[in-house]
């Protein structure tokens, strides 16, 4: 009677087949898991939303506007001060030194366009001084918030990890629950910037910066280089 027990090589083949099936199953599971569980470093790019890029672009647009306004105020304040230091000469001297242009036209053609400054600041030196301080405060707020956004990117990879995004939201007293989604987080950050800019809320912003420092964040060499490019 022939034995019905499986031959040794048959058992080895069967075990090898089951092992290969398990390995294949594990590989498929890992592949599926990798697609379903995003990297923490890509947390701020879920659903196509790059919070770091869009936040810094939003701030930079305002900073560029602030720089232009500050430059105008600065130039006009310089011109008004020059007018106080260099008063026009007596009429007789003006007539003797006449060179084909009226003395007033000659004075106004030098340096900044004085007609624009007079139009922009009919209140004179006091008005331009007030606007200089105002535009300087706006620009300072924009650049400081930009620095805040850079500091929050702790590893300087131009994106926010889940932890970094959470930390900058908490630092500004904003809701940080992941369930809200990155779209909502981005809107919260840009709206907070707009609100602080409008009110020149430097104290609240510096409190937020202090909270980041308490978490171990610092201004890095890369942050300084990035900020210098924005300030140019």
N, C-alpha and C. Protein backbone atom coordinates (compact mmCIF):
# COMPACT_ATOMS: atom_id res chain seq x y z
N UNK A 1 0.85 -1.18 0.00
CA UNK A 1 0.00 0.00 0.00
C UNK A 1 0.89 1.24 0.00
N UNK A 2 0.62 2.15 -0.89
CA UNK A 2 1.42 3.35 -0.98
C UNK A 2 1.08 4.32 0.14
N UNK A 3 2.09 4.91 0.72
CA UNK A 3 1.88 5.87 1.80
C UNK A 3 1.28 7.17 1.24
N UNK A 4 0.30 7.73 1.98
CA UNK A 4 -0.33 9.00 1.58
C UNK A 4 0.34 10.22 2.21
N UNK A 5 1.36 10.02 3.06
CA UNK A 5 2.05 11.15 3.70
C UNK A 5 2.76 11.99 2.66
N UNK A 6 2.73 13.30 2.77
CA UNK A 6 3.38 14.19 1.81
C UNK A 6 4.88 14.01 1.83
N UNK A 7 5.48 14.12 0.67
CA UNK A 7 6.92 13.97 0.57
C UNK A 7 7.60 15.22 1.14
N UNK A 8 8.83 15.07 1.63
CA UNK A 8 9.54 16.21 2.22
C UNK A 8 9.63 17.40 1.30
N UNK A 9 9.94 17.17 0.00
CA UNK A 9 10.10 18.31 -0.88
C UNK A 9 8.76 19.00 -1.13
N UNK A 10 7.67 18.23 -1.00
CA UNK A 10 6.34 18.84 -1.16
C UNK A 10 6.04 19.78 -0.01
N UNK A 11 6.40 19.37 1.24
CA UNK A 11 6.19 20.24 2.40
C UNK A 11 6.99 21.52 2.30
N UNK A 12 8.22 21.41 1.83
CA UNK A 12 9.08 22.59 1.70
C UNK A 12 8.49 23.56 0.69
N UNK A 13 8.02 23.03 -0.41
CA UNK A 13 7.42 23.88 -1.45
C UNK A 13 6.19 24.59 -0.94
N UNK A 14 5.35 23.87 -0.16
CA UNK A 14 4.14 24.47 0.37
C UNK A 14 4.45 25.58 1.35
N UNK A 15 5.44 25.33 2.23
CA UNK A 15 5.82 26.36 3.21
C UNK A 15 6.38 27.59 2.51
N UNK A 16 7.18 27.35 1.46
CA UNK A 16 7.75 28.47 0.71
C UNK A 16 6.64 29.28 0.06
N UNK A 17 5.62 28.61 -0.44
CA UNK A 17 4.52 29.31 -1.07
C UNK A 17 3.76 30.18 -0.08
N UNK A 18 3.50 29.60 1.12
CA UNK A 18 2.80 30.39 2.13
C UNK A 18 3.61 31.59 2.58
N UNK A 19 4.95 31.40 2.68
CA UNK A 19 5.83 32.49 3.08
C UNK A 19 5.79 33.62 2.05
N UNK A 20 5.83 33.24 0.78
CA UNK A 20 5.79 34.25 -0.28
C UNK A 20 4.46 35.00 -0.26
N UNK A 21 3.38 34.27 0.04
CA UNK A 21 2.08 34.92 0.12
C UNK A 21 2.04 35.94 1.25
N UNK A 22 2.63 35.57 2.41
CA UNK A 22 2.67 36.50 3.54
C UNK A 22 3.48 37.75 3.19
N UNK A 23 4.65 37.54 2.55
CA UNK A 23 5.50 38.68 2.18
C UNK A 23 4.78 39.61 1.22
N UNK A 24 4.06 39.00 0.28
CA UNK A 24 3.32 39.81 -0.68
C UNK A 24 2.24 40.61 0.01
N UNK A 25 1.56 39.96 0.96
CA UNK A 25 0.49 40.64 1.69
C UNK A 25 1.05 41.80 2.51
N UNK A 26 2.21 41.58 3.15
CA UNK A 26 2.83 42.64 3.94
C UNK A 26 3.24 43.80 3.05
N UNK A 27 3.78 43.49 1.87
CA UNK A 27 4.21 44.54 0.95
C UNK A 27 3.04 45.39 0.50
N UNK A 28 1.92 44.72 0.18
CA UNK A 28 0.73 45.45 -0.25
C UNK A 28 0.20 46.32 0.87
N UNK A 29 0.20 45.77 2.11
CA UNK A 29 -0.27 46.53 3.26
C UNK A 29 0.59 47.78 3.47
N UNK A 30 1.91 47.61 3.36
CA UNK A 30 2.81 48.75 3.56
C UNK A 30 2.60 49.81 2.50
N UNK A 31 2.39 49.33 1.27
CA UNK A 31 2.18 50.28 0.18
C UNK A 31 0.91 51.07 0.38
N UNK A 32 -0.17 50.38 0.79
CA UNK A 32 -1.44 51.06 1.03
C UNK A 32 -1.32 52.03 2.19
N UNK A 33 -0.63 51.58 3.25
CA UNK A 33 -0.47 52.44 4.42
C UNK A 33 0.30 53.70 4.09
N UNK A 34 1.33 53.56 3.26
CA UNK A 34 2.15 54.72 2.89
C UNK A 34 1.32 55.75 2.13
N UNK A 35 0.35 55.27 1.36
CA UNK A 35 -0.47 56.22 0.60
C UNK A 35 -1.54 56.86 1.47
N UNK A 36 -1.96 56.19 2.54
CA UNK A 36 -3.04 56.71 3.37
C UNK A 36 -2.54 57.59 4.50
N UNK A 37 -1.31 57.34 4.97
CA UNK A 37 -0.77 58.09 6.10
C UNK A 37 0.31 59.03 5.59
N UNK A 38 0.02 60.32 5.48
CA UNK A 38 1.00 61.27 4.95
C UNK A 38 2.12 61.54 5.94
N UNK A 39 3.25 61.94 5.41
CA UNK A 39 4.38 62.30 6.25
C UNK A 39 4.03 63.53 7.07
N UNK A 40 4.56 63.59 8.30
CA UNK A 40 4.30 64.76 9.14
C UNK A 40 4.88 66.02 8.52
N UNK A 41 5.98 65.86 7.75
CA UNK A 41 6.60 67.03 7.14
C UNK A 41 5.77 67.60 6.02
N UNK A 42 4.81 66.81 5.51
CA UNK A 42 3.95 67.31 4.44
C UNK A 42 2.61 67.77 4.98
N UNK A 43 2.51 67.91 6.29
CA UNK A 43 1.21 68.22 6.90
C UNK A 43 0.62 69.51 6.37
N UNK A 44 1.46 70.50 6.13
CA UNK A 44 0.94 71.79 5.70
C UNK A 44 0.70 71.86 4.20
N UNK A 45 0.91 70.72 3.48
CA UNK A 45 0.65 70.69 2.05
C UNK A 45 -0.49 69.75 1.69
N UNK A 46 -1.26 69.33 2.69
CA UNK A 46 -2.40 68.48 2.42
C UNK A 46 -3.40 69.22 1.56
N UNK A 47 -4.06 68.48 0.69
CA UNK A 47 -5.08 69.05 -0.19
C UNK A 47 -4.52 70.18 -1.05
N UNK A 48 -3.21 70.13 -1.32
CA UNK A 48 -2.61 71.13 -2.19
C UNK A 48 -2.37 72.47 -1.53
N UNK A 49 -2.56 72.58 -0.22
CA UNK A 49 -2.38 73.85 0.49
C UNK A 49 -0.99 73.89 1.11
N UNK A 50 -0.15 74.79 0.63
CA UNK A 50 1.17 75.00 1.21
C UNK A 50 1.08 76.23 2.10
N UNK A 51 0.87 76.00 3.38
CA UNK A 51 0.63 77.10 4.31
C UNK A 51 1.82 78.05 4.37
N UNK A 52 3.03 77.51 4.44
CA UNK A 52 4.22 78.36 4.55
C UNK A 52 4.33 79.28 3.33
N UNK A 53 4.24 78.71 2.14
CA UNK A 53 4.40 79.51 0.92
C UNK A 53 3.32 80.57 0.80
N UNK A 54 2.07 80.18 1.04
CA UNK A 54 0.98 81.14 0.84
C UNK A 54 0.96 82.21 1.93
N UNK A 55 1.32 81.83 3.15
CA UNK A 55 1.37 82.83 4.22
C UNK A 55 2.47 83.85 3.96
N UNK A 56 3.67 83.38 3.63
CA UNK A 56 4.77 84.32 3.39
C UNK A 56 4.51 85.19 2.16
N UNK A 57 3.86 84.64 1.14
CA UNK A 57 3.52 85.45 -0.04
C UNK A 57 2.52 86.54 0.32
N UNK A 58 1.55 86.19 1.16
CA UNK A 58 0.55 87.16 1.60
C UNK A 58 1.21 88.30 2.37
N UNK A 59 2.11 87.96 3.26
CA UNK A 59 2.80 88.99 4.05
C UNK A 59 3.70 89.84 3.15
N UNK A 60 4.39 89.20 2.22
CA UNK A 60 5.32 89.94 1.35
C UNK A 60 4.59 90.96 0.49
N UNK A 61 3.41 90.61 0.00
CA UNK A 61 2.66 91.58 -0.80
C UNK A 61 2.38 92.84 0.00
N UNK A 62 1.98 92.66 1.26
CA UNK A 62 1.72 93.83 2.09
C UNK A 62 3.02 94.57 2.42
N UNK A 63 4.09 93.82 2.66
CA UNK A 63 5.37 94.45 2.97
C UNK A 63 5.86 95.30 1.79
N UNK A 64 5.65 94.82 0.58
CA UNK A 64 6.07 95.59 -0.61
C UNK A 64 5.28 96.90 -0.69
N UNK A 65 3.99 96.83 -0.40
CA UNK A 65 3.17 98.05 -0.38
C UNK A 65 3.64 99.01 0.71
N UNK A 66 3.95 98.45 1.87
CA UNK A 66 4.43 99.28 2.99
C UNK A 66 5.77 99.94 2.66
N UNK A 67 6.64 99.21 1.98
CA UNK A 67 7.95 99.77 1.63
C UNK A 67 7.79 100.97 0.71
N UNK A 68 6.89 100.87 -0.25
CA UNK A 68 6.67 101.98 -1.19
C UNK A 68 6.12 103.20 -0.46
N UNK A 69 5.14 102.98 0.42
CA UNK A 69 4.56 104.10 1.17
C UNK A 69 5.59 104.74 2.09
N UNK A 70 6.41 103.92 2.71
CA UNK A 70 7.44 104.44 3.61
C UNK A 70 8.49 105.23 2.83
N UNK A 71 8.84 104.75 1.65
CA UNK A 71 9.83 105.44 0.83
C UNK A 71 9.34 106.83 0.44
N UNK A 72 8.07 106.94 0.07
CA UNK A 72 7.50 108.24 -0.30
C UNK A 72 7.54 109.19 0.89
N UNK A 73 7.09 108.71 2.04
CA UNK A 73 7.09 109.56 3.24
C UNK A 73 8.50 109.98 3.61
N UNK A 74 9.44 109.06 3.51
CA UNK A 74 10.83 109.35 3.86
C UNK A 74 11.42 110.41 2.93
N UNK A 75 11.18 110.25 1.63
CA UNK A 75 11.71 111.21 0.66
C UNK A 75 11.11 112.60 0.86
N UNK A 76 9.80 112.64 1.08
CA UNK A 76 9.15 113.93 1.25
C UNK A 76 9.55 114.60 2.56
N UNK A 77 9.75 113.80 3.60
CA UNK A 77 10.20 114.40 4.85
C UNK A 77 11.58 115.00 4.69
N UNK A 78 12.45 114.32 3.95
CA UNK A 78 13.78 114.87 3.67
C UNK A 78 13.68 116.18 2.90
N UNK A 79 12.79 116.21 1.92
CA UNK A 79 12.64 117.43 1.14
C UNK A 79 12.13 118.60 1.99
N UNK A 80 11.11 118.33 2.81
CA UNK A 80 10.57 119.40 3.65
C UNK A 80 11.63 119.93 4.61
N UNK A 81 12.44 119.03 5.19
CA UNK A 81 13.50 119.48 6.09
C UNK A 81 14.54 120.31 5.34
N UNK A 82 14.82 119.91 4.11
CA UNK A 82 15.77 120.68 3.31
C UNK A 82 15.24 122.09 3.04
N UNK A 83 13.92 122.19 2.85
CA UNK A 83 13.33 123.51 2.61
C UNK A 83 13.47 124.40 3.84
N UNK A 84 13.40 123.81 5.02
CA UNK A 84 13.56 124.59 6.25
C UNK A 84 15.00 125.05 6.43
N UNK A 85 15.95 124.22 6.02
CA UNK A 85 17.37 124.56 6.20
C UNK A 85 17.87 125.53 5.13
N UNK A 86 17.32 125.39 3.92
CA UNK A 86 17.81 126.22 2.81
C UNK A 86 16.69 127.14 2.34
N UNK A 87 16.58 128.25 2.95
CA UNK A 87 15.55 129.22 2.58
C UNK A 87 15.97 129.97 1.31
N UNK A 88 15.00 130.38 0.48
CA UNK A 88 15.35 131.06 -0.77
C UNK A 88 16.06 132.38 -0.52
N UNK A 89 16.91 132.75 -1.47
CA UNK A 89 17.68 134.00 -1.37
C UNK A 89 16.77 135.19 -1.64
N UNK A 90 17.19 136.40 -1.25
CA UNK A 90 16.39 137.61 -1.50
C UNK A 90 16.12 137.79 -2.99
N UNK A 91 15.03 138.45 -3.33
CA UNK A 91 14.65 138.63 -4.75
C UNK A 91 15.74 139.25 -5.59
N UNK A 92 16.47 140.28 -5.07
CA UNK A 92 17.50 140.94 -5.86
C UNK A 92 18.57 139.95 -6.29
N UNK A 93 18.99 139.10 -5.37
CA UNK A 93 20.01 138.10 -5.69
C UNK A 93 19.47 137.10 -6.70
N UNK A 94 18.22 136.76 -6.56
CA UNK A 94 17.61 135.83 -7.51
C UNK A 94 17.65 136.43 -8.91
N UNK A 95 17.33 137.70 -9.03
CA UNK A 95 17.30 138.32 -10.35
C UNK A 95 18.69 138.41 -10.96
N UNK A 96 19.68 138.73 -10.14
CA UNK A 96 21.06 138.83 -10.64
C UNK A 96 21.55 137.46 -11.10
N UNK A 97 21.18 136.45 -10.36
CA UNK A 97 21.68 135.11 -10.67
C UNK A 97 20.75 134.37 -11.64
N UNK A 98 19.82 135.05 -12.21
CA UNK A 98 18.85 134.40 -13.09
C UNK A 98 19.55 133.73 -14.26
N UNK A 99 19.20 132.47 -14.55
CA UNK A 99 19.88 131.72 -15.60
C UNK A 99 18.90 131.17 -16.63
N UNK A 100 17.78 131.80 -16.77
CA UNK A 100 16.82 131.34 -17.77
C UNK A 100 15.65 130.58 -17.19
N UNK A 101 15.75 130.21 -15.91
CA UNK A 101 14.64 129.55 -15.22
C UNK A 101 14.30 130.34 -13.98
N UNK A 102 13.06 130.31 -13.59
CA UNK A 102 12.71 131.01 -12.36
C UNK A 102 13.37 130.32 -11.19
N UNK A 103 13.78 131.07 -10.16
CA UNK A 103 14.42 130.46 -8.99
C UNK A 103 13.56 129.36 -8.38
N UNK A 104 12.25 129.57 -8.38
CA UNK A 104 11.37 128.55 -7.80
C UNK A 104 11.44 127.27 -8.61
N UNK A 105 11.41 127.40 -9.95
CA UNK A 105 11.48 126.21 -10.79
C UNK A 105 12.79 125.49 -10.60
N UNK A 106 13.88 126.25 -10.46
CA UNK A 106 15.18 125.62 -10.27
C UNK A 106 15.21 124.86 -8.96
N UNK A 107 14.62 125.44 -7.93
CA UNK A 107 14.63 124.76 -6.63
C UNK A 107 13.78 123.51 -6.68
N UNK A 108 12.64 123.58 -7.34
CA UNK A 108 11.75 122.44 -7.34
C UNK A 108 12.25 121.32 -8.23
N UNK A 109 13.12 121.64 -9.20
CA UNK A 109 13.60 120.59 -10.09
C UNK A 109 14.71 119.77 -9.46
N UNK A 110 15.28 120.24 -8.35
CA UNK A 110 16.34 119.50 -7.70
C UNK A 110 15.77 118.55 -6.66
N UNK A 111 16.39 117.35 -6.57
CA UNK A 111 15.94 116.37 -5.58
C UNK A 111 14.60 115.78 -5.95
N UNK A 112 13.82 115.46 -4.93
CA UNK A 112 12.52 114.85 -5.15
C UNK A 112 11.55 115.83 -5.80
N UNK A 113 10.50 115.28 -6.36
CA UNK A 113 9.47 116.11 -7.00
C UNK A 113 8.70 116.82 -5.91
N UNK A 114 9.01 118.11 -5.72
CA UNK A 114 8.41 118.85 -4.62
C UNK A 114 6.92 119.07 -4.83
N UNK A 115 6.51 119.14 -6.10
CA UNK A 115 5.09 119.30 -6.37
C UNK A 115 4.30 118.14 -5.80
N UNK A 116 4.83 116.90 -5.97
CA UNK A 116 4.17 115.72 -5.41
C UNK A 116 4.14 115.78 -3.89
N UNK A 117 5.23 116.19 -3.30
CA UNK A 117 5.28 116.24 -1.84
C UNK A 117 4.31 117.28 -1.30
N UNK A 118 4.22 118.42 -1.96
CA UNK A 118 3.28 119.43 -1.51
C UNK A 118 1.85 118.94 -1.67
N UNK A 119 1.59 118.20 -2.75
CA UNK A 119 0.25 117.69 -2.98
C UNK A 119 -0.11 116.60 -1.97
N UNK A 120 0.85 115.70 -1.73
CA UNK A 120 0.59 114.59 -0.81
C UNK A 120 0.46 115.07 0.63
N UNK A 121 1.22 116.09 0.97
CA UNK A 121 1.24 116.56 2.36
C UNK A 121 0.98 118.07 2.41
N UNK A 122 -0.26 118.47 2.18
CA UNK A 122 -0.57 119.91 2.25
C UNK A 122 -0.36 120.48 3.65
N UNK A 123 -0.31 119.60 4.64
CA UNK A 123 -0.07 120.07 6.01
C UNK A 123 1.38 120.33 6.30
N UNK A 124 2.25 120.12 5.32
CA UNK A 124 3.66 120.43 5.49
C UNK A 124 4.43 119.44 6.33
N UNK A 125 5.43 119.95 7.02
CA UNK A 125 6.37 119.09 7.75
C UNK A 125 5.68 118.27 8.84
N UNK A 126 4.69 118.82 9.51
CA UNK A 126 4.00 118.07 10.56
C UNK A 126 3.24 116.89 9.97
N UNK A 127 2.60 117.10 8.82
CA UNK A 127 1.83 116.02 8.18
C UNK A 127 2.75 114.91 7.70
N UNK A 128 3.87 115.28 7.09
CA UNK A 128 4.76 114.25 6.57
C UNK A 128 5.45 113.50 7.71
N UNK A 129 5.73 114.21 8.81
CA UNK A 129 6.35 113.53 9.96
C UNK A 129 5.39 112.48 10.53
N UNK A 130 4.13 112.82 10.62
CA UNK A 130 3.12 111.88 11.12
C UNK A 130 3.01 110.67 10.20
N UNK A 131 3.00 110.92 8.89
CA UNK A 131 2.88 109.81 7.94
C UNK A 131 4.13 108.95 7.93
N UNK A 132 5.28 109.57 8.14
CA UNK A 132 6.54 108.81 8.23
C UNK A 132 6.46 107.80 9.38
N UNK A 133 6.01 108.26 10.52
CA UNK A 133 5.89 107.36 11.67
C UNK A 133 4.86 106.26 11.43
N UNK A 134 3.76 106.63 10.78
CA UNK A 134 2.71 105.64 10.51
C UNK A 134 3.19 104.57 9.54
N UNK A 135 3.80 104.98 8.43
CA UNK A 135 4.25 104.01 7.44
C UNK A 135 5.40 103.16 7.97
N UNK A 136 6.23 103.77 8.80
CA UNK A 136 7.32 103.01 9.42
C UNK A 136 6.77 101.91 10.33
N UNK A 137 5.71 102.23 11.08
CA UNK A 137 5.10 101.24 11.97
C UNK A 137 4.47 100.10 11.18
N UNK A 138 3.80 100.42 10.07
CA UNK A 138 3.20 99.39 9.23
C UNK A 138 4.27 98.46 8.66
N UNK A 139 5.35 99.05 8.14
CA UNK A 139 6.41 98.25 7.55
C UNK A 139 7.09 97.37 8.60
N UNK A 140 7.31 97.93 9.77
CA UNK A 140 7.93 97.16 10.85
C UNK A 140 7.06 95.97 11.24
N UNK A 141 5.75 96.16 11.29
CA UNK A 141 4.83 95.07 11.63
C UNK A 141 4.89 93.98 10.58
N UNK A 142 4.87 94.37 9.31
CA UNK A 142 4.90 93.38 8.23
C UNK A 142 6.18 92.56 8.26
N UNK A 143 7.31 93.24 8.42
CA UNK A 143 8.59 92.52 8.42
C UNK A 143 8.74 91.64 9.66
N UNK A 144 8.23 92.09 10.78
CA UNK A 144 8.32 91.29 12.00
C UNK A 144 7.44 90.05 11.89
N UNK A 145 6.25 90.19 11.29
CA UNK A 145 5.39 89.02 11.10
C UNK A 145 6.03 88.05 10.10
N UNK A 146 6.69 88.59 9.10
CA UNK A 146 7.40 87.72 8.15
C UNK A 146 8.49 86.94 8.89
N UNK A 147 9.19 87.62 9.77
CA UNK A 147 10.21 86.94 10.57
C UNK A 147 9.57 85.85 11.44
N UNK A 148 8.42 86.15 12.01
CA UNK A 148 7.68 85.16 12.80
C UNK A 148 7.39 83.91 11.97
N UNK A 149 6.94 84.12 10.73
CA UNK A 149 6.63 83.00 9.85
C UNK A 149 7.88 82.18 9.54
N UNK A 150 9.01 82.85 9.39
CA UNK A 150 10.27 82.13 9.12
C UNK A 150 10.74 81.36 10.35
N UNK A 151 10.64 81.98 11.51
CA UNK A 151 11.06 81.32 12.75
C UNK A 151 10.23 80.06 12.99
N UNK A 152 8.94 80.12 12.64
CA UNK A 152 8.07 78.96 12.83
C UNK A 152 8.45 77.77 11.98
N UNK A 153 9.20 77.99 10.91
CA UNK A 153 9.74 76.90 10.10
C UNK A 153 11.07 76.48 10.72
N UNK A 154 10.98 75.69 11.76
CA UNK A 154 12.14 75.41 12.59
C UNK A 154 13.31 74.76 11.89
N UNK A 155 13.04 73.91 10.88
CA UNK A 155 14.13 73.22 10.20
C UNK A 155 14.50 73.87 8.87
N UNK A 156 13.94 75.04 8.60
CA UNK A 156 14.30 75.83 7.41
C UNK A 156 14.14 75.05 6.10
N UNK A 157 13.06 74.28 6.00
CA UNK A 157 12.82 73.53 4.76
C UNK A 157 11.69 74.13 3.93
N UNK A 158 11.30 75.35 4.28
CA UNK A 158 10.26 76.10 3.54
C UNK A 158 8.91 75.40 3.52
N UNK A 159 8.61 74.71 4.58
CA UNK A 159 7.28 74.13 4.76
C UNK A 159 7.06 73.90 6.24
N UNK A 160 5.81 73.83 6.66
CA UNK A 160 5.50 73.59 8.06
C UNK A 160 5.15 72.13 8.28
N UNK A 161 5.81 71.52 9.24
CA UNK A 161 5.39 70.19 9.67
C UNK A 161 4.13 70.33 10.51
N UNK A 162 3.53 69.20 10.88
CA UNK A 162 2.32 69.25 11.72
C UNK A 162 2.61 69.97 13.04
N UNK A 163 3.76 69.67 13.61
CA UNK A 163 4.11 70.30 14.89
C UNK A 163 4.36 71.79 14.72
N UNK A 164 5.08 72.18 13.68
CA UNK A 164 5.37 73.60 13.46
C UNK A 164 4.09 74.40 13.22
N UNK A 165 3.20 73.84 12.41
CA UNK A 165 1.94 74.54 12.15
C UNK A 165 1.13 74.71 13.43
N UNK A 166 1.11 73.65 14.22
CA UNK A 166 0.41 73.72 15.51
C UNK A 166 1.01 74.80 16.40
N UNK A 167 2.33 74.87 16.44
CA UNK A 167 3.00 75.80 17.35
C UNK A 167 2.77 77.26 16.95
N UNK A 168 2.79 77.58 15.66
CA UNK A 168 2.59 78.98 15.28
C UNK A 168 1.14 79.40 15.49
N UNK A 169 0.21 78.47 15.30
CA UNK A 169 -1.19 78.80 15.56
C UNK A 169 -1.42 79.06 17.04
N UNK A 170 -0.88 78.20 17.87
CA UNK A 170 -1.04 78.37 19.32
C UNK A 170 -0.36 79.65 19.79
N UNK A 171 0.80 79.96 19.20
CA UNK A 171 1.53 81.16 19.59
C UNK A 171 0.71 82.43 19.36
N UNK A 172 -0.18 82.39 18.36
CA UNK A 172 -1.03 83.54 18.05
C UNK A 172 -2.43 83.41 18.62
N UNK A 173 -2.60 82.41 19.51
CA UNK A 173 -3.90 82.17 20.16
C UNK A 173 -4.99 81.83 19.14
N UNK A 174 -4.62 81.05 18.12
CA UNK A 174 -5.57 80.62 17.10
C UNK A 174 -5.87 79.13 17.28
N UNK A 175 -7.05 78.72 16.81
CA UNK A 175 -7.44 77.31 16.91
C UNK A 175 -6.47 76.46 16.10
N UNK A 176 -6.00 75.37 16.70
CA UNK A 176 -4.97 74.56 16.06
C UNK A 176 -5.39 73.11 15.84
N UNK A 177 -6.67 72.79 16.00
CA UNK A 177 -7.11 71.41 15.84
C UNK A 177 -6.88 70.93 14.40
N UNK A 178 -6.21 69.79 14.23
CA UNK A 178 -5.97 69.27 12.87
C UNK A 178 -7.25 69.05 12.08
N UNK A 179 -8.35 68.75 12.78
CA UNK A 179 -9.62 68.47 12.09
C UNK A 179 -10.14 69.68 11.32
N UNK A 180 -9.68 70.87 11.65
CA UNK A 180 -10.13 72.07 10.95
C UNK A 180 -9.62 72.12 9.52
N UNK A 181 -8.47 71.49 9.28
CA UNK A 181 -7.90 71.47 7.94
C UNK A 181 -6.96 72.63 7.68
N UNK A 182 -6.04 72.42 6.74
CA UNK A 182 -5.03 73.44 6.47
C UNK A 182 -5.61 74.68 5.80
N UNK A 183 -6.69 74.54 5.05
CA UNK A 183 -7.34 75.71 4.46
C UNK A 183 -7.77 76.69 5.56
N UNK A 184 -8.42 76.16 6.58
CA UNK A 184 -8.89 77.00 7.68
C UNK A 184 -7.71 77.58 8.46
N UNK A 185 -6.66 76.79 8.64
CA UNK A 185 -5.49 77.29 9.35
C UNK A 185 -4.83 78.44 8.59
N UNK A 186 -4.73 78.30 7.28
CA UNK A 186 -4.15 79.36 6.47
C UNK A 186 -4.99 80.64 6.56
N UNK A 187 -6.30 80.49 6.47
CA UNK A 187 -7.17 81.67 6.58
C UNK A 187 -7.03 82.34 7.94
N UNK A 188 -6.89 81.54 8.98
CA UNK A 188 -6.72 82.11 10.33
C UNK A 188 -5.43 82.92 10.42
N UNK A 189 -4.36 82.40 9.84
CA UNK A 189 -3.07 83.08 9.92
C UNK A 189 -3.06 84.37 9.10
N UNK A 190 -3.59 84.31 7.89
CA UNK A 190 -3.59 85.52 7.06
C UNK A 190 -4.53 86.58 7.65
N UNK A 191 -5.66 86.13 8.19
CA UNK A 191 -6.59 87.08 8.81
C UNK A 191 -5.98 87.71 10.06
N UNK A 192 -5.24 86.91 10.81
CA UNK A 192 -4.58 87.45 12.00
C UNK A 192 -3.52 88.48 11.61
N UNK A 193 -2.78 88.18 10.56
CA UNK A 193 -1.81 89.16 10.08
C UNK A 193 -2.49 90.46 9.67
N UNK A 194 -3.56 90.35 8.90
CA UNK A 194 -4.28 91.55 8.44
C UNK A 194 -4.79 92.38 9.62
N UNK A 195 -5.32 91.68 10.63
CA UNK A 195 -5.87 92.38 11.80
C UNK A 195 -4.76 93.08 12.59
N UNK A 196 -3.64 92.39 12.79
CA UNK A 196 -2.53 93.00 13.53
C UNK A 196 -1.91 94.15 12.74
N UNK A 197 -1.88 94.00 11.42
CA UNK A 197 -1.32 95.07 10.60
C UNK A 197 -2.19 96.33 10.69
N UNK A 198 -3.49 96.13 10.61
CA UNK A 198 -4.41 97.27 10.63
C UNK A 198 -4.31 98.04 11.94
N UNK A 199 -4.15 97.30 13.03
CA UNK A 199 -4.10 97.94 14.35
C UNK A 199 -2.67 98.20 14.83
N UNK A 200 -1.69 97.81 13.99
CA UNK A 200 -0.28 97.92 14.36
C UNK A 200 -0.04 97.22 15.71
N UNK A 201 -0.53 95.99 15.78
CA UNK A 201 -0.48 95.22 17.03
C UNK A 201 0.85 94.54 17.26
N UNK A 202 1.89 95.33 17.38
CA UNK A 202 3.23 94.77 17.56
C UNK A 202 3.37 94.01 18.88
N UNK A 203 2.70 94.49 19.92
CA UNK A 203 2.83 93.82 21.22
C UNK A 203 2.30 92.39 21.16
N UNK A 204 1.14 92.20 20.54
CA UNK A 204 0.57 90.85 20.43
C UNK A 204 1.47 89.97 19.57
N UNK A 205 2.04 90.54 18.52
CA UNK A 205 2.93 89.76 17.66
C UNK A 205 4.19 89.35 18.40
N UNK A 206 4.76 90.25 19.18
CA UNK A 206 5.97 89.92 19.92
C UNK A 206 5.69 88.90 21.02
N UNK A 207 4.48 88.93 21.59
CA UNK A 207 4.10 87.89 22.54
C UNK A 207 4.09 86.53 21.86
N UNK A 208 3.58 86.49 20.62
CA UNK A 208 3.59 85.24 19.86
C UNK A 208 5.01 84.77 19.57
N UNK A 209 5.87 85.71 19.21
CA UNK A 209 7.27 85.35 18.97
C UNK A 209 7.90 84.79 20.23
N UNK A 210 7.57 85.37 21.36
CA UNK A 210 8.11 84.88 22.62
C UNK A 210 7.67 83.45 22.91
N UNK A 211 6.43 83.12 22.56
CA UNK A 211 5.95 81.75 22.76
C UNK A 211 6.71 80.76 21.89
N UNK A 212 7.04 81.17 20.67
CA UNK A 212 7.84 80.29 19.81
C UNK A 212 9.23 80.08 20.42
N UNK A 213 9.81 81.15 20.95
CA UNK A 213 11.12 81.03 21.58
C UNK A 213 11.06 80.10 22.78
N UNK A 214 9.96 80.16 23.51
CA UNK A 214 9.80 79.26 24.65
C UNK A 214 9.77 77.80 24.22
N UNK A 215 9.33 77.56 22.98
CA UNK A 215 9.28 76.20 22.44
C UNK A 215 10.62 75.77 21.83
N UNK A 216 11.59 76.66 21.85
CA UNK A 216 12.91 76.32 21.33
C UNK A 216 13.21 76.84 19.94
N UNK A 217 12.28 77.59 19.34
CA UNK A 217 12.51 78.15 18.00
C UNK A 217 13.46 79.33 18.11
N UNK A 218 14.24 79.54 17.04
CA UNK A 218 15.18 80.66 17.02
C UNK A 218 15.29 81.23 15.60
N UNK A 219 15.75 82.47 15.50
CA UNK A 219 16.07 83.06 14.20
C UNK A 219 17.38 82.46 13.74
N UNK A 220 17.37 81.81 12.59
CA UNK A 220 18.56 81.14 12.08
C UNK A 220 19.26 82.02 11.04
N UNK A 221 20.45 81.59 10.64
CA UNK A 221 21.18 82.30 9.58
C UNK A 221 20.37 82.30 8.29
N UNK A 222 19.71 81.19 8.00
CA UNK A 222 18.87 81.11 6.80
C UNK A 222 17.69 82.09 6.89
N UNK A 223 17.11 82.21 8.09
CA UNK A 223 16.01 83.17 8.29
C UNK A 223 16.48 84.60 8.01
N UNK A 224 17.66 84.95 8.51
CA UNK A 224 18.17 86.30 8.32
C UNK A 224 18.42 86.60 6.85
N UNK A 225 18.98 85.61 6.14
CA UNK A 225 19.24 85.80 4.71
C UNK A 225 17.93 85.98 3.94
N UNK A 226 16.94 85.17 4.29
CA UNK A 226 15.63 85.25 3.64
C UNK A 226 14.98 86.61 3.91
N UNK A 227 15.04 87.05 5.15
CA UNK A 227 14.42 88.32 5.51
C UNK A 227 15.14 89.49 4.82
N UNK A 228 16.45 89.40 4.69
CA UNK A 228 17.21 90.46 4.01
C UNK A 228 16.77 90.60 2.55
N UNK A 229 16.48 89.46 1.91
CA UNK A 229 16.01 89.52 0.52
C UNK A 229 14.66 90.21 0.42
N UNK A 230 13.80 89.98 1.40
CA UNK A 230 12.48 90.62 1.41
C UNK A 230 12.62 92.11 1.66
N UNK A 231 13.60 92.50 2.46
CA UNK A 231 13.76 93.92 2.81
C UNK A 231 14.39 94.74 1.69
N UNK A 232 14.98 94.08 0.72
CA UNK A 232 15.67 94.81 -0.36
C UNK A 232 14.68 95.59 -1.21
